[in-house]
C-alpha atoms as a PDB file:
ATOM      1  CA  MET A   1    -190.991  91.206  34.718  1.00  0.00           C
ATOM      2  CA  ALA A   2    -187.725  91.238  36.645  1.00  0.00           C
ATOM      3  CA  VAL A   3    -186.551  87.894  37.990  1.00  0.00           C
ATOM      4  CA  ARG A   4    -185.734  87.947  41.711  1.00  0.00           C
ATOM      5  CA  GLU A   5    -182.181  86.919  42.455  1.00  0.00           C
ATOM      6  CA  LEU A   6    -181.790  83.676  44.349  1.00  0.00           C
ATOM      7  CA  ARG A   7    -181.000  84.008  48.041  1.00  0.00           C
ATOM      8  CA  ALA A   8    -179.059  81.674  50.285  1.00  0.00           C
ATOM      9  CA  ARG A   9    -178.372  81.596  54.006  1.00  0.00           C
ATOM     10  CA  VAL A  10    -175.300  79.807  55.340  1.00  0.00           C
ATOM     11  CA  LEU A  11    -175.388  78.423  58.890  1.00  0.00           C
ATOM     12  CA  GLY A  12    -172.148  77.774  60.753  1.00  0.00           C
ATOM     13  CA  ASP A  13    -169.216  79.727  62.143  1.00  0.00           C
ATOM     14  CA  GLY A  14    -166.177  77.875  60.791  1.00  0.00           C
ATOM     15  CA  LEU A  15    -163.958  78.354  57.749  1.00  0.00           C
ATOM     16  CA  THR A  16    -166.191  76.154  55.594  1.00  0.00           C
ATOM     17  CA  ALA A  17    -169.203  78.371  56.304  1.00  0.00           C
ATOM     18  CA  ILE A  18    -167.528  81.588  55.224  1.00  0.00           C
ATOM     19  CA  ALA A  19    -165.859  79.947  52.193  1.00  0.00           C
ATOM     20  CA  VAL A  20    -169.166  78.470  51.024  1.00  0.00           C
ATOM     21  CA  ALA A  21    -170.995  81.754  51.622  1.00  0.00           C
ATOM     22  CA  THR A  22    -168.362  83.682  49.691  1.00  0.00           C
ATOM     23  CA  GLY A  23    -168.301  81.193  46.829  1.00  0.00           C
ATOM     24  CA  LEU A  24    -172.094  81.282  46.526  1.00  0.00           C
ATOM     25  CA  ALA A  25    -172.124  85.083  46.521  1.00  0.00           C
ATOM     26  CA  TRP A  26    -169.442  85.095  43.830  1.00  0.00           C
ATOM     27  CA  SER A  27    -171.594  82.709  41.765  1.00  0.00           C
ATOM     28  CA  GLY A  28    -174.442  85.237  41.624  1.00  0.00           C
ATOM     29  CA  LEU A  29    -176.552  84.539  44.699  1.00  0.00           C
ATOM     30  CA  ARG A  30    -177.412  87.039  47.390  1.00  0.00           C
ATOM     31  CA  VAL A  31    -175.983  85.400  50.494  1.00  0.00           C
ATOM     32  CA  SER A  32    -176.198  85.932  54.227  1.00  0.00           C
ATOM     33  CA  CYS A  33    -173.776  84.176  56.554  1.00  0.00           C
ATOM     34  CA  ALA A  34    -174.981  83.490  60.087  1.00  0.00           C
ATOM     35  CA  ARG A  35    -171.396  83.660  61.322  1.00  0.00           C
ATOM     36  CA  PRO A  36    -171.276  86.769  63.536  1.00  0.00           C
ATOM     37  CA  ASP A  37    -167.645  87.640  62.796  1.00  0.00           C
ATOM     38  CA  PRO A  38    -166.716  88.347  59.146  1.00  0.00           C
ATOM     39  CA  ALA A  39    -163.005  88.003  59.916  1.00  0.00           C
ATOM     40  CA  VAL A  40    -161.132  85.554  57.668  1.00  0.00           C
ATOM     41  CA  PRO A  41    -158.001  83.637  58.715  1.00  0.00           C
ATOM     42  CA  ALA A  42    -154.726  85.149  57.510  1.00  0.00           C
ATOM     43  CA  SER A  43    -154.039  81.871  55.721  1.00  0.00           C
ATOM     44  CA  GLU A  44    -156.831  82.748  53.236  1.00  0.00           C
ATOM     45  CA  PRO A  45    -155.729  86.007  51.533  1.00  0.00           C
ATOM     46  CA  ARG A  46    -157.780  85.419  48.382  1.00  0.00           C
ATOM     47  CA  LEU A  47    -160.857  84.713  50.491  1.00  0.00           C
ATOM     48  CA  GLN A  48    -160.239  87.879  52.535  1.00  0.00           C
ATOM     49  CA  ASP A  49    -160.136  90.032  49.403  1.00  0.00           C
ATOM     50  CA  LEU A  50    -163.264  88.497  47.917  1.00  0.00           C
ATOM     51  CA  VAL A  51    -165.244  88.858  51.164  1.00  0.00           C
ATOM     52  CA  ARG A  52    -164.442  92.572  51.220  1.00  0.00           C
ATOM     53  CA  SER A  53    -165.407  92.984  47.567  1.00  0.00           C
ATOM     54  CA  LEU A  54    -168.685  91.097  47.882  1.00  0.00           C
ATOM     55  CA  ARG A  55    -169.671  92.921  51.065  1.00  0.00           C
ATOM     56  CA  ARG A  56    -169.148  96.254  49.299  1.00  0.00           C
ATOM     57  CA  SER A  57    -171.359  95.116  46.429  1.00  0.00           C
ATOM     58  CA  GLY A  58    -174.086  93.874  48.783  1.00  0.00           C
ATOM     59  CA  ALA A  59    -173.936  90.298  47.484  1.00  0.00           C
ATOM     60  CA  LEU A  60    -172.617  89.014  50.830  1.00  0.00           C
ATOM     61  CA  SER A  61    -173.777  90.025  54.281  1.00  0.00           C
ATOM     62  CA  PHE A  62    -173.505  88.803  57.849  1.00  0.00           C
ATOM     63  CA  GLY A  63    -176.836  88.650  59.637  1.00  0.00           C
ATOM     64  CA  GLU A  64    -180.425  87.818  58.787  1.00  0.00           C
ATOM     65  CA  LEU A  65    -181.775  87.346  55.290  1.00  0.00           C
ATOM     66  CA  ALA A  66    -185.477  87.287  54.540  1.00  0.00           C
ATOM     67  CA  ASP A  67    -186.973  84.389  52.603  1.00  0.00           C
ATOM     68  CA  PRO A  68    -183.864  82.468  51.524  1.00  0.00           C
ATOM     69  CA  ASP A  69    -184.350  80.030  48.655  1.00  0.00           C
ATOM     70  CA  ALA A  70    -181.788  77.708  50.186  1.00  0.00           C
ATOM     71  CA  VAL A  71    -180.181  77.150  53.571  1.00  0.00           C
ATOM     72  CA  PHE A  72    -176.682  75.655  53.662  1.00  0.00           C
ATOM     73  CA  VAL A  73    -175.815  73.855  56.880  1.00  0.00           C
ATOM     74  CA  CYS A  74    -172.056  74.088  57.474  1.00  0.00           C
ATOM     75  CA  GLY A  75    -171.608  72.654  60.946  1.00  0.00           C
ATOM     76  CA  ALA A  76    -174.260  74.673  62.780  1.00  0.00           C
ATOM     77  CA  ASP A  77    -175.489  73.155  66.043  1.00  0.00           C
ATOM     78  CA  GLU A  78    -178.955  74.653  65.713  1.00  0.00           C
ATOM     79  CA  VAL A  79    -180.666  74.568  62.346  1.00  0.00           C
ATOM     80  CA  THR A  80    -183.788  76.571  61.582  1.00  0.00           C
ATOM     81  CA  THR A  81    -185.136  76.721  58.036  1.00  0.00           C
ATOM     82  CA  PRO A  82    -187.983  78.838  56.666  1.00  0.00           C
ATOM     83  CA  PRO A  83    -190.846  76.926  55.000  1.00  0.00           C
ATOM     84  CA  GLY A  84    -190.290  76.442  51.295  1.00  0.00           C
ATOM     85  CA  SER A  85    -186.503  76.805  51.338  1.00  0.00           C
ATOM     86  CA  SER A  86    -184.175  74.068  50.160  1.00  0.00           C
ATOM     87  CA  VAL A  87    -181.877  72.590  52.787  1.00  0.00           C
ATOM     88  CA  ILE A  88    -178.370  71.595  51.738  1.00  0.00           C
ATOM     89  CA  ASN A  89    -176.110  69.894  54.254  1.00  0.00           C
ATOM     90  CA  CYS A  90    -172.321  70.137  53.936  1.00  0.00           C
ATOM     91  CA  ALA A  91    -171.994  67.028  56.160  1.00  0.00           C
ATOM     92  CA  LEU A  92    -169.920  68.598  58.930  1.00  0.00           C
ATOM     93  CA  PRO A  93    -170.214  67.878  62.680  1.00  0.00           C
ATOM     94  CA  PRO A  94    -172.692  67.588  64.275  1.00  0.00           C
ATOM     95  CA  TRP A  95    -174.574  66.686  61.094  1.00  0.00           C
ATOM     96  CA  GLU A  96    -172.157  64.297  59.336  1.00  0.00           C
ATOM     97  CA  CYS A  97    -175.186  62.091  58.724  1.00  0.00           C
ATOM     98  CA  THR A  98    -177.600  64.016  56.536  1.00  0.00           C
ATOM     99  CA  ARG A  99    -180.340  61.502  57.253  1.00  0.00           C
ATOM    100  CA  ASP A 100    -180.211  62.554  60.924  1.00  0.00           C
ATOM    101  CA  LEU A 101    -180.657  66.205  59.947  1.00  0.00           C
ATOM    102  CA  GLN A 102    -183.480  65.249  57.603  1.00  0.00           C
ATOM    103  CA  ALA A 103    -185.230  63.426  60.444  1.00  0.00           C
ATOM    104  CA  ALA A 104    -184.703  66.351  62.832  1.00  0.00           C
ATOM    105  CA  LEU A 105    -186.212  68.837  60.376  1.00  0.00           C
ATOM    106  CA  GLY A 106    -188.945  66.557  59.055  1.00  0.00           C
ATOM    107  CA  ARG A 107    -188.282  67.559  55.442  1.00  0.00           C
ATOM    108  CA  PRO A 108    -186.028  66.563  52.512  1.00  0.00           C
ATOM    109  CA  VAL A 109    -182.367  67.535  52.812  1.00  0.00           C
ATOM    110  CA  VAL A 110    -179.670  67.365  50.130  1.00  0.00           C
ATOM    111  CA  SER A 111    -176.215  66.119  51.044  1.00  0.00           C
ATOM    112  CA  HIS A 112    -173.427  68.257  49.568  1.00  0.00           C
ATOM    113  CA  PRO A 113    -170.321  67.194  51.538  1.00  0.00           C
ATOM    114  CA  GLN A 114    -167.439  69.640  51.779  1.00  0.00           C
ATOM    115  CA  LEU A 115    -163.831  69.059  52.776  1.00  0.00           C
ATOM    116  CA  LEU A 116    -162.198  72.445  52.336  1.00  0.00           C
ATOM    117  CA  ARG A 117    -158.593  72.817  53.389  1.00  0.00           C
ATOM    118  CA  GLU A 118    -157.227  75.764  55.317  1.00  0.00           C
ATOM    119  CA  GLY A 119    -155.181  77.895  52.949  1.00  0.00           C
ATOM    120  CA  SER A 120    -157.220  76.987  49.865  1.00  0.00           C
ATOM    121  CA  ALA A 121    -160.820  76.807  51.078  1.00  0.00           C
ATOM    122  CA  LEU A 122    -162.246  79.144  48.446  1.00  0.00           C
ATOM    123  CA  GLU A 123    -160.340  77.460  45.621  1.00  0.00           C
ATOM    124  CA  ASP A 124    -161.436  74.035  46.825  1.00  0.00           C
ATOM    125  CA  PHE A 125    -165.078  75.122  46.702  1.00  0.00           C
ATOM    126  CA  LEU A 126    -165.005  76.933  43.348  1.00  0.00           C
ATOM    127  CA  SER A 127    -162.534  74.802  41.399  1.00  0.00           C
ATOM    128  CA  ALA A 128    -163.044  71.232  42.549  1.00  0.00           C
ATOM    129  CA  ASP A 129    -163.127  68.478  39.944  1.00  0.00           C
ATOM    130  CA  TYR A 130    -166.607  67.472  41.057  1.00  0.00           C
ATOM    131  CA  ALA A 131    -169.308  68.245  43.600  1.00  0.00           C
ATOM    132  CA  VAL A 132    -171.301  65.448  45.207  1.00  0.00           C
ATOM    133  CA  LEU A 133    -175.043  66.011  45.560  1.00  0.00           C
ATOM    134  CA  GLY A 134    -177.211  63.308  47.066  1.00  0.00           C
ATOM    135  CA  ALA A 135    -180.878  63.127  48.013  1.00  0.00           C
ATOM    136  CA  ASP A 136    -183.798  60.770  48.366  1.00  0.00           C
ATOM    137  CA  ASP A 137    -186.157  63.378  46.964  1.00  0.00           C
ATOM    138  CA  ALA A 138    -185.765  64.114  43.237  1.00  0.00           C
ATOM    139  CA  GLU A 139    -187.336  67.564  43.469  1.00  0.00           C
ATOM    140  CA  ALA A 140    -184.956  68.560  46.270  1.00  0.00           C
ATOM    141  CA  LEU A 141    -182.012  67.517  44.103  1.00  0.00           C
ATOM    142  CA  VAL A 142    -183.269  69.575  41.156  1.00  0.00           C
ATOM    143  CA  ARG A 143    -183.702  72.630  43.376  1.00  0.00           C
ATOM    144  CA  ALA A 144    -180.176  72.223  44.720  1.00  0.00           C
ATOM    145  CA  ASP A 145    -178.868  72.094  41.149  1.00  0.00           C
ATOM    146  CA  VAL A 146    -180.619  75.390  40.413  1.00  0.00           C
ATOM    147  CA  VAL A 147    -179.137  77.087  43.471  1.00  0.00           C
ATOM    148  CA  LEU A 148    -175.638  75.829  42.661  1.00  0.00           C
ATOM    149  CA  ALA A 149    -175.858  76.448  38.909  1.00  0.00           C
ATOM    150  CA  GLY A 150    -173.437  79.382  39.086  1.00  0.00           C
ATOM    151  CA  VAL A 151    -170.705  77.390  40.838  1.00  0.00           C
ATOM    152  CA  PRO A 152    -168.458  76.130  38.007  1.00  0.00           C
ATOM    153  CA  VAL A 153    -168.059  72.594  39.353  1.00  0.00           C
ATOM    154  CA  PRO A 154    -169.741  69.600  37.667  1.00  0.00           C
ATOM    155  CA  PRO A 155    -172.195  67.796  39.969  1.00  0.00           C
ATOM    156  CA  LEU A 156    -172.211  64.067  40.625  1.00  0.00           C
ATOM    157  CA  HIS A 157    -175.673  62.910  41.702  1.00  0.00           C
ATOM    158  CA  CYS A 158    -176.342  59.953  43.957  1.00  0.00           C
ATOM    159  CA  ASP A 159    -178.574  58.857  46.813  1.00  0.00           C
ATOM    160  CA  LEU A 160    -178.412  60.487  50.236  1.00  0.00           C
ATOM    161  CA  ASP A 161    -176.404  57.865  52.116  1.00  0.00           C
ATOM    162  CA  SER A 162    -173.903  57.409  49.274  1.00  0.00           C
ATOM    163  CA  ALA A 163    -173.234  61.149  49.147  1.00  0.00           C
ATOM    164  CA  ASP A 164    -172.443  61.257  52.859  1.00  0.00           C
ATOM    165  CA  LEU A 165    -170.024  58.352  52.461  1.00  0.00           C
ATOM    166  CA  VAL A 166    -168.148  59.530  49.354  1.00  0.00           C
ATOM    167  CA  LEU A 167    -165.551  61.759  51.027  1.00  0.00           C
ATOM    168  CA  HIS A 168    -164.924  59.235  53.800  1.00  0.00           C
ATOM    169  CA  ALA A 169    -164.353  56.555  51.159  1.00  0.00           C
ATOM    170  CA  THR A 170    -162.035  58.810  49.177  1.00  0.00           C
ATOM    171  CA  ASN A 171    -160.067  59.786  52.275  1.00  0.00           C
ATOM    172  CA  GLY A 172    -159.685  56.114  53.176  1.00  0.00           C
ATOM    173  CA  LEU A 173    -158.354  55.262  49.732  1.00  0.00           C
ATOM    174  CA  LEU A 174    -155.883  58.155  49.814  1.00  0.00           C
ATOM    175  CA  GLU A 175    -154.701  57.099  53.267  1.00  0.00           C
ATOM    176  CA  VAL A 176    -154.057  53.562  52.000  1.00  0.00           C
ATOM    177  CA  GLU A 177    -152.120  55.015  49.067  1.00  0.00           C
ATOM    178  CA  ARG A 178    -150.048  57.288  51.313  1.00  0.00           C
ATOM    179  CA  GLU A 179    -149.213  54.384  53.588  1.00  0.00           C
ATOM    180  CA  TYR A 180    -148.252  52.224  50.609  1.00  0.00           C
ATOM    181  CA  PHE A 181    -145.802  54.787  49.247  1.00  0.00           C
ATOM    182  CA  HIS A 182    -144.401  55.385  52.719  1.00  0.00           C
ATOM    183  CA  GLU A 183    -143.658  51.668  52.982  1.00  0.00           C
ATOM    184  CA  LEU A 184    -142.277  51.643  49.439  1.00  0.00           C
ATOM    185  CA  ALA A 185    -139.864  54.449  50.320  1.00  0.00           C
ATOM    186  CA  GLU A 186    -138.695  52.486  53.376  1.00  0.00           C
ATOM    187  CA  LEU A 187    -138.170  49.410  51.200  1.00  0.00           C
ATOM    188  CA  CYS A 188    -136.195  51.413  48.633  1.00  0.00           C
ATOM    189  CA  ARG A 189    -133.897  52.745  51.353  1.00  0.00           C
ATOM    190  CA  ALA A 190    -133.440  49.270  52.768  1.00  0.00           C
ATOM    191  CA  VAL A 191    -132.323  47.748  49.439  1.00  0.00           C
ATOM    192  CA  GLY A 192    -130.505  50.815  48.089  1.00  0.00           C
ATOM    193  CA  ALA A 193    -133.035  51.606  45.355  1.00  0.00           C
ATOM    194  CA  ASP A 194    -133.809  55.119  44.061  1.00  0.00           C
ATOM    195  CA  VAL A 195    -137.346  55.793  45.309  1.00  0.00           C
ATOM    196  CA  ASP A 196    -137.970  58.577  42.774  1.00  0.00           C
ATOM    197  CA  ARG A 197    -137.024  56.340  39.869  1.00  0.00           C
ATOM    198  CA  VAL A 198    -139.092  53.469  41.212  1.00  0.00           C
ATOM    199  CA  ILE A 199    -142.183  55.685  41.518  1.00  0.00           C
ATOM    200  CA  GLU A 200    -141.537  57.143  38.064  1.00  0.00           C
ATOM    201  CA  CYS A 201    -141.485  53.646  36.607  1.00  0.00           C
ATOM    202  CA  VAL A 202    -144.608  52.669  38.509  1.00  0.00           C
ATOM    203  CA  ARG A 203    -146.421  55.741  37.237  1.00  0.00           C
ATOM    204  CA  ALA A 204    -145.462  54.883  33.651  1.00  0.00           C
ATOM    205  CA  ASP A 205    -147.712  51.822  33.838  1.00  0.00           C
ATOM    206  CA  PRO A 206    -151.005  52.894  32.158  1.00  0.00           C
ATOM    207  CA  ARG A 207    -152.958  50.697  34.573  1.00  0.00           C
ATOM    208  CA  ILE A 208    -151.771  52.920  37.437  1.00  0.00           C
ATOM    209  CA  GLY A 209    -151.454  56.424  36.007  1.00  0.00           C
ATOM    210  CA  ALA A 210    -149.299  59.517  36.271  1.00  0.00           C
ATOM    211  CA  ASP A 211    -151.008  60.918  39.379  1.00  0.00           C
ATOM    212  CA  THR A 212    -150.160  57.947  41.569  1.00  0.00           C
ATOM    213  CA  GLY A 213    -147.876  58.852  44.440  1.00  0.00           C
ATOM    214  CA  GLN A 214    -148.377  62.583  43.921  1.00  0.00           C
ATOM    215  CA  ARG A 215    -151.843  63.169  45.326  1.00  0.00           C
ATOM    216  CA  GLY A 216    -152.619  65.694  48.033  1.00  0.00           C
ATOM    217  CA  ASP A 217    -154.125  65.423  51.466  1.00  0.00           C
ATOM    218  CA  SER A 218    -157.803  65.363  50.567  1.00  0.00           C
ATOM    219  CA  PRO A 219    -160.301  64.326  47.891  1.00  0.00           C
ATOM    220  CA  ARG A 220    -160.168  67.916  46.682  1.00  0.00           C
ATOM    221  CA  CYS A 221    -156.443  67.871  45.988  1.00  0.00           C
ATOM    222  CA  ALA A 222    -156.717  68.596  42.275  1.00  0.00           C
ATOM    223  CA  PRO A 223    -157.453  72.339  42.673  1.00  0.00           C
ATOM    224  CA  ALA A 224    -154.292  72.775  44.750  1.00  0.00           C
ATOM    225  CA  THR A 225    -152.312  71.053  42.018  1.00  0.00           C
ATOM    226  CA  ARG A 226    -153.786  73.376  39.433  1.00  0.00           C
ATOM    227  CA  LEU A 227    -152.893  76.418  41.525  1.00  0.00           C
ATOM    228  CA  ARG A 228    -149.238  75.444  41.197  1.00  0.00           C
ATOM    229  CA  GLU A 229    -149.463  75.480  37.412  1.00  0.00           C
ATOM    230  CA  ASP A 230    -148.620  78.506  35.276  1.00  0.00           C
ATOM    231  CA  ARG A 231    -152.162  78.818  33.944  1.00  0.00           C
ATOM    232  CA  PRO A 232    -154.799  78.739  36.702  1.00  0.00           C
ATOM    233  CA  PRO A 233    -158.384  77.739  35.915  1.00  0.00           C
ATOM    234  CA  PRO A 234    -160.558  80.606  34.596  1.00  0.00           C
ATOM    235  CA  VAL A 235    -162.359  80.953  37.926  1.00  0.00           C
ATOM    236  CA  LEU A 236    -159.145  81.494  39.844  1.00  0.00           C
ATOM    237  CA  ALA A 237    -157.738  83.796  37.179  1.00  0.00           C
ATOM    238  CA  GLU A 238    -160.866  85.936  37.514  1.00  0.00           C
ATOM    239  CA  LEU A 239    -160.492  86.067  41.284  1.00  0.00           C
ATOM    240  CA  GLU A 240    -156.986  87.461  40.835  1.00  0.00           C
ATOM    241  CA  THR A 241    -158.477  90.564  39.187  1.00  0.00           C
ATOM    242  CA  LEU A 242    -160.641  91.521  42.168  1.00  0.00           C
END
């Protein structure tokens, strides 16, 4: 007996919605994006190419999709979900609090927060170092794992409220770090020290680590760093062949 391919519907009309929809379709799901306009920003050339390829293959469409196994909420104001489908919230306005969405729908919702940057949204989704998944309902979490099994990003499981807070906590820590190194640079200039050498020496301390002072603008900065390397991750190398 043939196994029916998993189906997902993505709600939302921003960059995150189309990047998530495209990434899910690439991972093997049949995906419909509720966004009415399939246009992709010029800042996302890799995403543009993959959208065209997946639309030609039928894996990605824009419109209705019957009986989705999962509904991804990526900033949609109105959320309607068919009975029996999993609901996965990307924790974007107006649903930053997944518990609020869960209460509005009257059913379990999984938090899967996304912070995808313009210019690397697809890479951030498919090549992140981790993906946070949080829920109060164990079965809902298992079903989300099944839907996301084709996305080559290791999941980190936690409770619902912790998942919603993770990216805010990470952003706060990175902001403190950025401010610290800004102040350190000012201090180096004031006393005539070489800021690059000072940071190099600080990074040599194993308690601090080589990445300190070189992190990006979001919790998903590692994929952007890898894109600058000579050997991209296998996922991104495969995308180059499309």
